[in-house]
PDB file of all heavy atoms in Angstrom:
ATOM      1  N   ALA A   1     -45.831  24.186 -33.894  1.00  0.00           N
ATOM      2  CA  ALA A   1     -45.862  23.026 -33.048  1.00  0.00           C
ATOM      3  C   ALA A   1     -45.860  23.378 -31.545  1.00  0.00           C
ATOM      4  O   ALA A   1     -46.397  22.629 -30.865  1.00  0.00           O
ATOM      5  CB  ALA A   1     -44.524  22.123 -33.410  1.00  0.00           C
ATOM      6  N   VAL A   2     -44.971  24.404 -31.167  1.00  0.00           N
ATOM      7  CA  VAL A   2     -44.958  24.856 -29.793  1.00  0.00           C
ATOM      8  C   VAL A   2     -46.370  25.246 -29.273  1.00  0.00           C
ATOM      9  O   VAL A   2     -46.704  24.864 -28.135  1.00  0.00           O
ATOM     10  CB  VAL A   2     -43.902  25.981 -29.678  1.00  0.00           C
ATOM     11  CG1 VAL A   2     -43.970  26.523 -28.214  1.00  0.00           C
ATOM     12  CG2 VAL A   2     -42.562  25.292 -29.792  1.00  0.00           C
ATOM     13  N   ILE A   3     -46.842  26.080 -30.062  1.00  0.00           N
ATOM     14  CA  ILE A   3     -48.256  26.595 -29.667  1.00  0.00           C
ATOM     15  C   ILE A   3     -49.195  25.407 -29.533  1.00  0.00           C
ATOM     16  O   ILE A   3     -49.976  25.286 -28.654  1.00  0.00           O
ATOM     17  CB  ILE A   3     -48.784  27.645 -30.722  1.00  0.00           C
ATOM     18  CG1 ILE A   3     -47.880  28.833 -30.703  1.00  0.00           C
ATOM     19  CG2 ILE A   3     -50.272  27.925 -30.576  1.00  0.00           C
ATOM     20  CD1 ILE A   3     -48.249  29.835 -31.778  1.00  0.00           C
ATOM     21  N   ALA A   4     -49.322  24.522 -30.519  1.00  0.00           N
ATOM     22  CA  ALA A   4     -50.088  23.247 -30.451  1.00  0.00           C
ATOM     23  C   ALA A   4     -49.897  22.471 -29.152  1.00  0.00           C
ATOM     24  O   ALA A   4     -50.706  21.965 -28.445  1.00  0.00           O
ATOM     25  CB  ALA A   4     -49.939  22.411 -31.644  1.00  0.00           C
ATOM     26  N   ALA A   5     -48.595  22.248 -28.828  1.00  0.00           N
ATOM     27  CA  ALA A   5     -48.274  21.518 -27.624  1.00  0.00           C
ATOM     28  C   ALA A   5     -48.669  22.226 -26.462  1.00  0.00           C
ATOM     29  O   ALA A   5     -48.977  21.537 -25.399  1.00  0.00           O
ATOM     30  CB  ALA A   5     -46.825  21.168 -27.590  1.00  0.00           C
ATOM     31  N   ARG A   6     -48.486  23.561 -26.309  1.00  0.00           N
ATOM     32  CA  ARG A   6     -48.941  24.328 -25.211  1.00  0.00           C
ATOM     33  C   ARG A   6     -50.550  24.226 -25.028  1.00  0.00           C
ATOM     34  O   ARG A   6     -51.132  24.323 -23.940  1.00  0.00           O
ATOM     35  CB  ARG A   6     -48.519  25.765 -25.282  1.00  0.00           C
ATOM     36  CG  ARG A   6     -47.048  25.926 -25.358  1.00  0.00           C
ATOM     37  CD  ARG A   6     -46.515  25.807 -23.963  1.00  0.00           C
ATOM     38  NE  ARG A   6     -45.044  26.190 -23.916  1.00  0.00           N
ATOM     39  CZ  ARG A   6     -44.320  25.831 -22.789  1.00  0.00           C
ATOM     40  NH1 ARG A   6     -44.767  24.997 -21.857  1.00  0.00           N
ATOM     41  NH2 ARG A   6     -42.994  26.263 -22.802  1.00  0.00           N
ATOM     42  N   THR A   7     -51.182  24.013 -26.166  1.00  0.00           N
ATOM     43  CA  THR A   7     -52.686  24.002 -26.106  1.00  0.00           C
ATOM     44  C   THR A   7     -53.143  22.812 -25.236  1.00  0.00           C
ATOM     45  O   THR A   7     -54.284  22.927 -24.646  1.00  0.00           O
ATOM     46  CB  THR A   7     -53.222  23.865 -27.482  1.00  0.00           C
ATOM     47  OG1 THR A   7     -52.857  25.059 -28.364  1.00  0.00           O
ATOM     48  CG2 THR A   7     -54.846  23.799 -27.503  1.00  0.00           C
ATOM     49  N   PHE A   8     -52.507  21.684 -25.183  1.00  0.00           N
ATOM     50  CA  PHE A   8     -52.922  20.635 -24.415  1.00  0.00           C
ATOM     51  C   PHE A   8     -53.078  21.118 -22.963  1.00  0.00           C
ATOM     52  O   PHE A   8     -53.954  20.611 -22.178  1.00  0.00           O
ATOM     53  CB  PHE A   8     -51.876  19.521 -24.379  1.00  0.00           C
ATOM     54  CG  PHE A   8     -51.947  18.697 -25.779  1.00  0.00           C
ATOM     55  CD1 PHE A   8     -50.898  18.861 -26.665  1.00  0.00           C
ATOM     56  CD2 PHE A   8     -52.977  17.945 -26.139  1.00  0.00           C
ATOM     57  CE1 PHE A   8     -51.002  18.222 -27.777  1.00  0.00           C
ATOM     58  CE2 PHE A   8     -53.009  17.218 -27.209  1.00  0.00           C
ATOM     59  CZ  PHE A   8     -51.998  17.368 -28.231  1.00  0.00           C
ATOM     60  N   GLN A   9     -52.200  21.937 -22.447  1.00  0.00           N
ATOM     61  CA  GLN A   9     -52.265  22.368 -21.082  1.00  0.00           C
ATOM     62  C   GLN A   9     -53.439  23.315 -20.875  1.00  0.00           C
ATOM     63  O   GLN A   9     -54.103  23.314 -19.894  1.00  0.00           O
ATOM     64  CB  GLN A   9     -50.886  23.011 -20.684  1.00  0.00           C
ATOM     65  CG  GLN A   9     -50.921  23.507 -19.216  1.00  0.00           C
ATOM     66  CD  GLN A   9     -49.442  23.849 -18.711  1.00  0.00           C
ATOM     67  OE1 GLN A   9     -48.557  23.871 -19.645  1.00  0.00           O
ATOM     68  NE2 GLN A   9     -49.361  24.335 -17.546  1.00  0.00           N
ATOM     69  N   THR A  10     -53.520  24.278 -21.705  1.00  0.00           N
ATOM     70  CA  THR A  10     -54.692  25.303 -21.642  1.00  0.00           C
ATOM     71  C   THR A  10     -56.042  24.710 -21.671  1.00  0.00           C
ATOM     72  O   THR A  10     -56.944  24.999 -20.948  1.00  0.00           O
ATOM     73  CB  THR A  10     -54.542  26.428 -22.591  1.00  0.00           C
ATOM     74  OG1 THR A  10     -54.480  25.867 -23.957  1.00  0.00           O
ATOM     75  CG2 THR A  10     -53.214  27.236 -22.267  1.00  0.00           C
ATOM     76  N   MET A  11     -56.191  23.741 -22.718  1.00  0.00           N
ATOM     77  CA  MET A  11     -57.538  23.099 -22.869  1.00  0.00           C
ATOM     78  C   MET A  11     -57.817  22.142 -21.743  1.00  0.00           C
ATOM     79  O   MET A  11     -58.961  22.082 -21.232  1.00  0.00           O
ATOM     80  CB  MET A  11     -57.509  22.359 -24.247  1.00  0.00           C
ATOM     81  CG  MET A  11     -57.688  23.241 -25.425  1.00  0.00           C
ATOM     82  SD  MET A  11     -57.913  22.252 -26.887  1.00  0.00           S
ATOM     83  CE  MET A  11     -59.596  21.698 -26.598  1.00  0.00           C
ATOM     84  N   GLY A  12     -56.831  21.359 -21.264  1.00  0.00           N
ATOM     85  CA  GLY A  12     -57.188  20.357 -20.364  1.00  0.00           C
ATOM     86  C   GLY A  12     -57.028  20.898 -18.891  1.00  0.00           C
ATOM     87  O   GLY A  12     -57.289  20.108 -17.965  1.00  0.00           O
ATOM     88  N   GLU A  13     -56.459  22.083 -18.686  1.00  0.00           N
ATOM     89  CA  GLU A  13     -56.368  22.580 -17.383  1.00  0.00           C
ATOM     90  C   GLU A  13     -55.477  21.795 -16.461  1.00  0.00           C
ATOM     91  O   GLU A  13     -55.909  21.669 -15.321  1.00  0.00           O
ATOM     92  CB  GLU A  13     -57.771  22.989 -16.776  1.00  0.00           C
ATOM     93  CG  GLU A  13     -58.525  24.003 -17.544  1.00  0.00           C
ATOM     94  CD  GLU A  13     -59.893  24.357 -16.827  1.00  0.00           C
ATOM     95  OE1 GLU A  13     -60.228  23.597 -15.913  1.00  0.00           O
ATOM     96  OE2 GLU A  13     -60.461  25.336 -17.218  1.00  0.00           O
ATOM     97  N   ALA A  14     -54.485  21.248 -16.969  1.00  0.00           N
ATOM     98  CA  ALA A  14     -53.613  20.406 -16.259  1.00  0.00           C
ATOM     99  C   ALA A  14     -52.188  20.882 -16.279  1.00  0.00           C
ATOM    100  O   ALA A  14     -51.843  21.860 -17.095  1.00  0.00           O
ATOM    101  CB  ALA A  14     -53.602  18.832 -16.868  1.00  0.00           C
ATOM    102  N   LYS A  15     -51.381  20.405 -15.470  1.00  0.00           N
ATOM    103  CA  LYS A  15     -49.979  20.989 -15.356  1.00  0.00           C
ATOM    104  C   LYS A  15     -49.131  19.748 -15.129  1.00  0.00           C
ATOM    105  O   LYS A  15     -49.461  18.537 -15.011  1.00  0.00           O
ATOM    106  CB  LYS A  15     -49.790  21.928 -14.149  1.00  0.00           C
ATOM    107  CG  LYS A  15     -50.054  21.371 -12.846  1.00  0.00           C
ATOM    108  CD  LYS A  15     -49.873  22.398 -11.719  1.00  0.00           C
ATOM    109  CE  LYS A  15     -50.166  21.772 -10.336  1.00  0.00           C
ATOM    110  NZ  LYS A  15     -51.630  21.336 -10.117  1.00  0.00           N
ATOM    111  N   VAL A  16     -47.858  20.009 -15.319  1.00  0.00           N
ATOM    112  CA  VAL A  16     -46.821  18.993 -15.264  1.00  0.00           C
ATOM    113  C   VAL A  16     -46.926  18.312 -13.878  1.00  0.00           C
ATOM    114  O   VAL A  16     -46.854  18.986 -12.930  1.00  0.00           O
ATOM    115  CB  VAL A  16     -45.397  19.452 -15.551  1.00  0.00           C
ATOM    116  CG1 VAL A  16     -44.328  18.367 -15.209  1.00  0.00           C
ATOM    117  CG2 VAL A  16     -45.224  19.823 -17.128  1.00  0.00           C
ATOM    118  N   GLY A  17     -46.878  16.990 -13.798  1.00  0.00           N
ATOM    119  CA  GLY A  17     -47.058  16.345 -12.532  1.00  0.00           C
ATOM    120  C   GLY A  17     -48.377  15.848 -12.229  1.00  0.00           C
ATOM    121  O   GLY A  17     -48.553  15.025 -11.394  1.00  0.00           O
ATOM    122  N   ASP A  18     -49.358  16.247 -13.116  1.00  0.00           N
ATOM    123  CA  ASP A  18     -50.746  15.666 -12.970  1.00  0.00           C
ATOM    124  C   ASP A  18     -51.017  14.285 -13.541  1.00  0.00           C
ATOM    125  O   ASP A  18     -52.020  13.800 -13.382  1.00  0.00           O
ATOM    126  CB  ASP A  18     -51.764  16.690 -13.463  1.00  0.00           C
ATOM    127  CG  ASP A  18     -52.095  17.917 -12.677  1.00  0.00           C
ATOM    128  OD1 ASP A  18     -51.590  18.018 -11.464  1.00  0.00           O
ATOM    129  OD2 ASP A  18     -52.566  18.894 -13.220  1.00  0.00           O
ATOM    130  N   LYS A  19     -50.044  13.805 -14.160  1.00  0.00           N
ATOM    131  CA  LYS A  19     -50.070  12.545 -14.960  1.00  0.00           C
ATOM    132  C   LYS A  19     -51.069  12.519 -16.075  1.00  0.00           C
ATOM    133  O   LYS A  19     -52.086  11.925 -16.125  1.00  0.00           O
ATOM    134  CB  LYS A  19     -50.448  11.411 -13.939  1.00  0.00           C
ATOM    135  CG  LYS A  19     -50.152   9.976 -14.676  1.00  0.00           C
ATOM    136  CD  LYS A  19     -50.112   8.922 -13.538  1.00  0.00           C
ATOM    137  CE  LYS A  19     -49.628   7.532 -14.111  1.00  0.00           C
ATOM    138  NZ  LYS A  19     -49.230   6.564 -13.209  1.00  0.00           N
ATOM    139  N   THR A  20     -50.810  13.435 -17.050  1.00  0.00           N
ATOM    140  CA  THR A  20     -51.613  13.675 -18.174  1.00  0.00           C
ATOM    141  C   THR A  20     -50.683  13.823 -19.417  1.00  0.00           C
ATOM    142  O   THR A  20     -49.479  13.758 -19.297  1.00  0.00           O
ATOM    143  CB  THR A  20     -52.446  14.878 -18.096  1.00  0.00           C
ATOM    144  OG1 THR A  20     -51.620  16.016 -18.104  1.00  0.00           O
ATOM    145  CG2 THR A  20     -53.305  14.799 -16.795  1.00  0.00           C
ATOM    146  N   ILE A  21     -51.224  13.953 -20.515  1.00  0.00           N
ATOM    147  CA  ILE A  21     -50.520  14.309 -21.790  1.00  0.00           C
ATOM    148  C   ILE A  21     -49.569  15.454 -21.697  1.00  0.00           C
ATOM    149  O   ILE A  21     -48.554  15.510 -22.370  1.00  0.00           O
ATOM    150  CB  ILE A  21     -51.561  14.579 -23.035  1.00  0.00           C
ATOM    151  CG1 ILE A  21     -50.838  14.398 -24.327  1.00  0.00           C
ATOM    152  CG2 ILE A  21     -52.352  15.797 -22.817  1.00  0.00           C
ATOM    153  CD1 ILE A  21     -51.715  14.466 -25.509  1.00  0.00           C
ATOM    154  N   VAL A  22     -49.972  16.472 -20.746  1.00  0.00           N
ATOM    155  CA  VAL A  22     -49.113  17.647 -20.549  1.00  0.00           C
ATOM    156  C   VAL A  22     -47.705  17.224 -20.111  1.00  0.00           C
ATOM    157  O   VAL A  22     -46.750  17.998 -20.367  1.00  0.00           O
ATOM    158  CB  VAL A  22     -49.799  18.466 -19.510  1.00  0.00           C
ATOM    159  CG1 VAL A  22     -48.897  19.714 -19.066  1.00  0.00           C
ATOM    160  CG2 VAL A  22     -51.079  19.029 -20.128  1.00  0.00           C
ATOM    161  N   ASP A  23     -47.474  16.161 -19.288  1.00  0.00           N
ATOM    162  CA  ASP A  23     -46.211  15.730 -18.892  1.00  0.00           C
ATOM    163  C   ASP A  23     -45.271  15.337 -20.110  1.00  0.00           C
ATOM    164  O   ASP A  23     -44.099  15.248 -19.910  1.00  0.00           O
ATOM    165  CB  ASP A  23     -46.422  14.577 -17.998  1.00  0.00           C
ATOM    166  CG  ASP A  23     -46.946  14.876 -16.706  1.00  0.00           C
ATOM    167  OD1 ASP A  23     -46.378  15.650 -15.941  1.00  0.00           O
ATOM    168  OD2 ASP A  23     -48.134  14.421 -16.390  1.00  0.00           O
ATOM    169  N   ALA A  24     -45.801  15.042 -21.210  1.00  0.00           N
ATOM    170  CA  ALA A  24     -44.914  14.883 -22.403  1.00  0.00           C
ATOM    171  C   ALA A  24     -44.967  16.105 -23.307  1.00  0.00           C
ATOM    172  O   ALA A  24     -43.913  16.377 -23.963  1.00  0.00           O
ATOM    173  CB  ALA A  24     -45.405  13.712 -23.261  1.00  0.00           C
ATOM    174  N   ALA A  25     -46.099  16.784 -23.478  1.00  0.00           N
ATOM    175  CA  ALA A  25     -46.147  17.893 -24.359  1.00  0.00           C
ATOM    176  C   ALA A  25     -45.328  19.165 -23.918  1.00  0.00           C
ATOM    177  O   ALA A  25     -44.844  19.824 -24.719  1.00  0.00           O
ATOM    178  CB  ALA A  25     -47.734  18.252 -24.543  1.00  0.00           C
ATOM    179  N   THR A  26     -45.456  19.323 -22.600  1.00  0.00           N
ATOM    180  CA  THR A  26     -44.581  20.447 -22.020  1.00  0.00           C
ATOM    181  C   THR A  26     -43.137  20.365 -22.321  1.00  0.00           C
ATOM    182  O   THR A  26     -42.504  21.324 -22.847  1.00  0.00           O
ATOM    183  CB  THR A  26     -44.977  20.708 -20.632  1.00  0.00           C
ATOM    184  OG1 THR A  26     -46.319  21.009 -20.455  1.00  0.00           O
ATOM    185  CG2 THR A  26     -44.049  21.769 -19.964  1.00  0.00           C
ATOM    186  N   PRO A  27     -42.509  19.293 -21.939  1.00  0.00           N
ATOM    187  CA  PRO A  27     -41.047  19.248 -22.258  1.00  0.00           C
ATOM    188  C   PRO A  27     -40.696  19.199 -23.816  1.00  0.00           C
ATOM    189  O   PRO A  27     -39.688  19.718 -24.233  1.00  0.00           O
ATOM    190  CB  PRO A  27     -40.500  17.782 -21.649  1.00  0.00           C
ATOM    191  CG  PRO A  27     -41.889  17.132 -21.350  1.00  0.00           C
ATOM    192  CD  PRO A  27     -42.919  18.084 -21.109  1.00  0.00           C
ATOM    193  N   PHE A  28     -41.653  18.748 -24.539  1.00  0.00           N
ATOM    194  CA  PHE A  28     -41.714  18.823 -26.005  1.00  0.00           C
ATOM    195  C   PHE A  28     -41.517  20.290 -26.485  1.00  0.00           C
ATOM    196  O   PHE A  28     -40.720  20.755 -27.149  1.00  0.00           O
ATOM    197  CB  PHE A  28     -42.830  18.078 -26.759  1.00  0.00           C
ATOM    198  CG  PHE A  28     -42.792  18.323 -28.169  1.00  0.00           C
ATOM    199  CD1 PHE A  28     -42.131  17.435 -29.064  1.00  0.00           C
ATOM    200  CD2 PHE A  28     -43.483  19.333 -28.774  1.00  0.00           C
ATOM    201  CE1 PHE A  28     -42.096  17.575 -30.431  1.00  0.00           C
ATOM    202  CE2 PHE A  28     -43.629  19.559 -30.189  1.00  0.00           C
ATOM    203  CZ  PHE A  28     -42.883  18.607 -30.943  1.00  0.00           C
ATOM    204  N   ALA A  29     -42.619  21.146 -25.938  1.00  0.00           N
ATOM    205  CA  ALA A  29     -42.606  22.475 -26.317  1.00  0.00           C
ATOM    206  C   ALA A  29     -41.382  23.238 -25.834  1.00  0.00           C
ATOM    207  O   ALA A  29     -40.832  24.146 -26.460  1.00  0.00           O
ATOM    208  CB  ALA A  29     -43.896  23.082 -25.675  1.00  0.00           C
ATOM    209  N   GLU A  30     -40.928  22.898 -24.653  1.00  0.00           N
ATOM    210  CA  GLU A  30     -39.783  23.571 -24.155  1.00  0.00           C
ATOM    211  C   GLU A  30     -38.455  23.383 -24.870  1.00  0.00           C
ATOM    212  O   GLU A  30     -37.708  24.326 -25.074  1.00  0.00           O
ATOM    213  CB  GLU A  30     -39.530  23.224 -22.509  1.00  0.00           C
ATOM    214  CG  GLU A  30     -40.697  23.819 -21.673  1.00  0.00           C
ATOM    215  CD  GLU A  30     -40.502  23.266 -20.267  1.00  0.00           C
ATOM    216  OE1 GLU A  30     -39.712  22.267 -20.069  1.00  0.00           O
ATOM    217  OE2 GLU A  30     -41.194  23.741 -19.299  1.00  0.00           O
ATOM    218  N   SER A  31     -38.397  22.068 -25.327  1.00  0.00           N
ATOM    219  CA  SER A  31     -37.112  21.829 -26.125  1.00  0.00           C
ATOM    220  C   SER A  31     -37.348  22.505 -27.449  1.00  0.00           C
ATOM    221  O   SER A  31     -36.287  22.972 -27.915  1.00  0.00           O
ATOM    222  CB  SER A  31     -37.196  20.203 -26.324  1.00  0.00           C
ATOM    223  OG  SER A  31     -36.010  19.906 -27.160  1.00  0.00           O
ATOM    224  N   MET A  32     -38.457  22.464 -28.036  1.00  0.00           N
ATOM    225  CA  MET A  32     -38.499  23.133 -29.384  1.00  0.00           C
ATOM    226  C   MET A  32     -38.296  24.722 -29.328  1.00  0.00           C
ATOM    227  O   MET A  32     -37.775  25.261 -30.250  1.00  0.00           O
ATOM    228  CB  MET A  32     -39.996  22.914 -30.038  1.00  0.00           C
ATOM    229  CG  MET A  32     -40.301  21.514 -30.463  1.00  0.00           C
ATOM    230  SD  MET A  32     -39.286  21.086 -31.930  1.00  0.00           S
ATOM    231  CE  MET A  32     -40.135  22.008 -33.332  1.00  0.00           C
ATOM    232  N   GLU A  33     -38.736  25.267 -28.185  1.00  0.00           N
ATOM    233  CA  GLU A  33     -38.508  26.685 -28.042  1.00  0.00           C
ATOM    234  C   GLU A  33     -37.179  27.145 -27.940  1.00  0.00           C
ATOM    235  O   GLU A  33     -36.715  28.142 -28.377  1.00  0.00           O
ATOM    236  CB  GLU A  33     -39.288  27.108 -26.728  1.00  0.00           C
ATOM    237  CG  GLU A  33     -40.830  27.312 -26.852  1.00  0.00           C
ATOM    238  CD  GLU A  33     -41.502  27.696 -25.601  1.00  0.00           C
ATOM    239  OE1 GLU A  33     -41.065  27.135 -24.489  1.00  0.00           O
ATOM    240  OE2 GLU A  33     -42.451  28.371 -25.627  1.00  0.00           O
ATOM    241  N   THR A  34     -36.249  26.272 -27.422  1.00  0.00           N
ATOM    242  CA  THR A  34     -34.917  26.659 -27.143  1.00  0.00           C
ATOM    243  C   THR A  34     -33.934  25.997 -28.159  1.00  0.00           C
ATOM    244  O   THR A  34     -32.907  26.245 -28.127  1.00  0.00           O
ATOM    245  CB  THR A  34     -34.415  26.180 -25.642  1.00  0.00           C
ATOM    246  OG1 THR A  34     -34.641  24.734 -25.616  1.00  0.00           O
ATOM    247  CG2 THR A  34     -35.238  26.758 -24.642  1.00  0.00           C
ATOM    248  N   ALA A  35     -34.552  25.236 -29.146  1.00  0.00           N
ATOM    249  CA  ALA A  35     -33.656  24.652 -30.134  1.00  0.00           C
ATOM    250  C   ALA A  35     -32.987  25.611 -31.144  1.00  0.00           C
ATOM    251  O   ALA A  35     -33.416  26.574 -31.436  1.00  0.00           O
ATOM    252  CB  ALA A  35     -34.515  23.574 -30.978  1.00  0.00           C
ATOM    253  N   LYS A  36     -31.768  25.243 -31.435  1.00  0.00           N
ATOM    254  CA  LYS A  36     -30.948  26.112 -32.367  1.00  0.00           C
ATOM    255  C   LYS A  36     -30.656  25.366 -33.676  1.00  0.00           C
ATOM    256  O   LYS A  36     -30.137  26.021 -34.559  1.00  0.00           O
ATOM    257  CB  LYS A  36     -29.632  26.498 -31.583  1.00  0.00           C
ATOM    258  CG  LYS A  36     -29.701  27.265 -30.420  1.00  0.00           C
ATOM    259  CD  LYS A  36     -30.469  28.590 -30.484  1.00  0.00           C
ATOM    260  CE  LYS A  36     -30.632  29.397 -29.311  1.00  0.00           C
ATOM    261  NZ  LYS A  36     -31.372  30.668 -29.419  1.00  0.00           N
ATOM    262  N   SER A  37     -30.949  24.122 -33.673  1.00  0.00           N
ATOM    263  CA  SER A  37     -30.522  23.276 -34.818  1.00  0.00           C
ATOM    264  C   SER A  37     -31.647  23.292 -35.869  1.00  0.00           C
ATOM    265  O   SER A  37     -32.786  23.990 -35.715  1.00  0.00           O
ATOM    266  CB  SER A  37     -30.399  21.788 -34.327  1.00  0.00           C
ATOM    267  OG  SER A  37     -31.533  21.363 -33.716  1.00  0.00           O
ATOM    268  N   GLN A  38     -31.422  22.686 -36.943  1.00  0.00           N
ATOM    269  CA  GLN A  38     -32.469  22.483 -37.971  1.00  0.00           C
ATOM    270  C   GLN A  38     -33.766  21.716 -37.551  1.00  0.00           C
ATOM    271  O   GLN A  38     -33.643  21.138 -36.476  1.00  0.00           O
ATOM    272  CB  GLN A  38     -31.899  21.630 -39.133  1.00  0.00           C
ATOM    273  CG  GLN A  38     -30.785  22.329 -40.057  1.00  0.00           C
ATOM    274  CD  GLN A  38     -30.233  21.628 -41.125  1.00  0.00           C
ATOM    275  OE1 GLN A  38     -30.398  20.314 -41.067  1.00  0.00           O
ATOM    276  NE2 GLN A  38     -29.686  22.295 -42.071  1.00  0.00           N
ATOM    277  N   LEU A  39     -34.833  22.029 -38.109  1.00  0.00           N
ATOM    278  CA  LEU A  39     -36.068  21.530 -37.692  1.00  0.00           C
ATOM    279  C   LEU A  39     -36.157  20.050 -37.317  1.00  0.00           C
ATOM    280  O   LEU A  39     -36.579  19.507 -36.293  1.00  0.00           O
ATOM    281  CB  LEU A  39     -37.219  21.921 -38.779  1.00  0.00           C
ATOM    282  CG  LEU A  39     -38.621  21.510 -38.265  1.00  0.00           C
ATOM    283  CD1 LEU A  39     -39.118  22.228 -37.072  1.00  0.00           C
ATOM    284  CD2 LEU A  39     -39.619  21.823 -39.337  1.00  0.00           C
ATOM    285  N   ALA A  40     -35.648  19.168 -38.309  1.00  0.00           N
ATOM    286  CA  ALA A  40     -35.744  17.718 -38.048  1.00  0.00           C
ATOM    287  C   ALA A  40     -34.811  17.301 -36.833  1.00  0.00           C
ATOM    288  O   ALA A  40     -35.459  16.596 -36.124  1.00  0.00           O
ATOM    289  CB  ALA A  40     -35.116  16.989 -39.327  1.00  0.00           C
ATOM    290  N   LEU A  41     -33.783  17.937 -36.693  1.00  0.00           N
ATOM    291  CA  LEU A  41     -32.961  17.650 -35.477  1.00  0.00           C
ATOM    292  C   LEU A  41     -33.594  18.124 -34.218  1.00  0.00           C
ATOM    293  O   LEU A  41     -33.600  17.473 -33.202  1.00  0.00           O
ATOM    294  CB  LEU A  41     -31.513  18.112 -35.604  1.00  0.00           C
ATOM    295  CG  LEU A  41     -30.629  17.501 -36.745  1.00  0.00           C
ATOM    296  CD1 LEU A  41     -29.353  18.266 -36.768  1.00  0.00           C
ATOM    297  CD2 LEU A  41     -30.430  16.033 -36.355  1.00  0.00           C
ATOM    298  N   ALA A  42     -34.117  19.291 -34.268  1.00  0.00           N
ATOM    299  CA  ALA A  42     -34.824  19.894 -33.068  1.00  0.00           C
ATOM    300  C   ALA A  42     -36.064  19.163 -32.787  1.00  0.00           C
ATOM    301  O   ALA A  42     -36.277  18.870 -31.573  1.00  0.00           O
ATOM    302  CB  ALA A  42     -35.253  21.381 -33.455  1.00  0.00           C
ATOM    303  N   TRP A  43     -36.815  18.674 -33.734  1.00  0.00           N
ATOM    304  CA  TRP A  43     -37.974  17.891 -33.413  1.00  0.00           C
ATOM    305  C   TRP A  43     -37.584  16.576 -32.795  1.00  0.00           C
ATOM    306  O   TRP A  43     -38.297  16.057 -31.836  1.00  0.00           O
ATOM    307  CB  TRP A  43     -38.740  17.624 -34.754  1.00  0.00           C
ATOM    308  CG  TRP A  43     -40.295  17.296 -34.513  1.00  0.00           C
ATOM    309  CD1 TRP A  43     -40.677  16.061 -33.749  1.00  0.00           C
ATOM    310  CD2 TRP A  43     -41.398  17.993 -34.812  1.00  0.00           C
ATOM    311  NE1 TRP A  43     -42.096  16.087 -33.832  1.00  0.00           N
ATOM    312  CE2 TRP A  43     -42.563  17.305 -34.352  1.00  0.00           C
ATOM    313  CE3 TRP A  43     -41.603  19.186 -35.398  1.00  0.00           C
ATOM    314  CZ2 TRP A  43     -43.836  17.672 -34.539  1.00  0.00           C
ATOM    315  CZ3 TRP A  43     -42.910  19.653 -35.629  1.00  0.00           C
ATOM    316  CH2 TRP A  43     -44.018  18.870 -35.204  1.00  0.00           C
ATOM    317  N   LYS A  44     -36.560  15.939 -33.363  1.00  0.00           N
ATOM    318  CA  LYS A  44     -36.108  14.674 -32.832  1.00  0.00           C
ATOM    319  C   LYS A  44     -35.735  14.749 -31.356  1.00  0.00           C
ATOM    320  O   LYS A  44     -36.139  13.976 -30.528  1.00  0.00           O
ATOM    321  CB  LYS A  44     -34.877  14.138 -33.625  1.00  0.00           C
ATOM    322  CG  LYS A  44     -34.437  12.746 -33.169  1.00  0.00           C
ATOM    323  CD  LYS A  44     -33.235  12.199 -34.059  1.00  0.00           C
ATOM    324  CE  LYS A  44     -32.705  10.898 -33.559  1.00  0.00           C
ATOM    325  NZ  LYS A  44     -31.654  10.387 -34.242  1.00  0.00           N
ATOM    326  N   LYS A  45     -35.017  15.786 -31.029  1.00  0.00           N
ATOM    327  CA  LYS A  45     -34.568  16.097 -29.666  1.00  0.00           C
ATOM    328  C   LYS A  45     -35.766  16.249 -28.754  1.00  0.00           C
ATOM    329  O   LYS A  45     -35.993  15.680 -27.651  1.00  0.00           O
ATOM    330  CB  LYS A  45     -33.729  17.362 -29.496  1.00  0.00           C
ATOM    331  CG  LYS A  45     -33.320  17.629 -28.074  1.00  0.00           C
ATOM    332  CD  LYS A  45     -32.484  16.545 -27.460  1.00  0.00           C
ATOM    333  CE  LYS A  45     -32.020  17.057 -26.063  1.00  0.00           C
ATOM    334  NZ  LYS A  45     -31.277  15.893 -25.293  1.00  0.00           N
TER     335      LYS A  45
END
């Protein structure tokens, strides 16, 4: 899921602040990367 979310940035050549899908996908990926809880709870966060 993290790798997929990061793909939006690499494919679209956008970064946070450009007002694109990356502005949602990046915090999603960052949260999943650092999560310590079970998958369902981590995904919800």
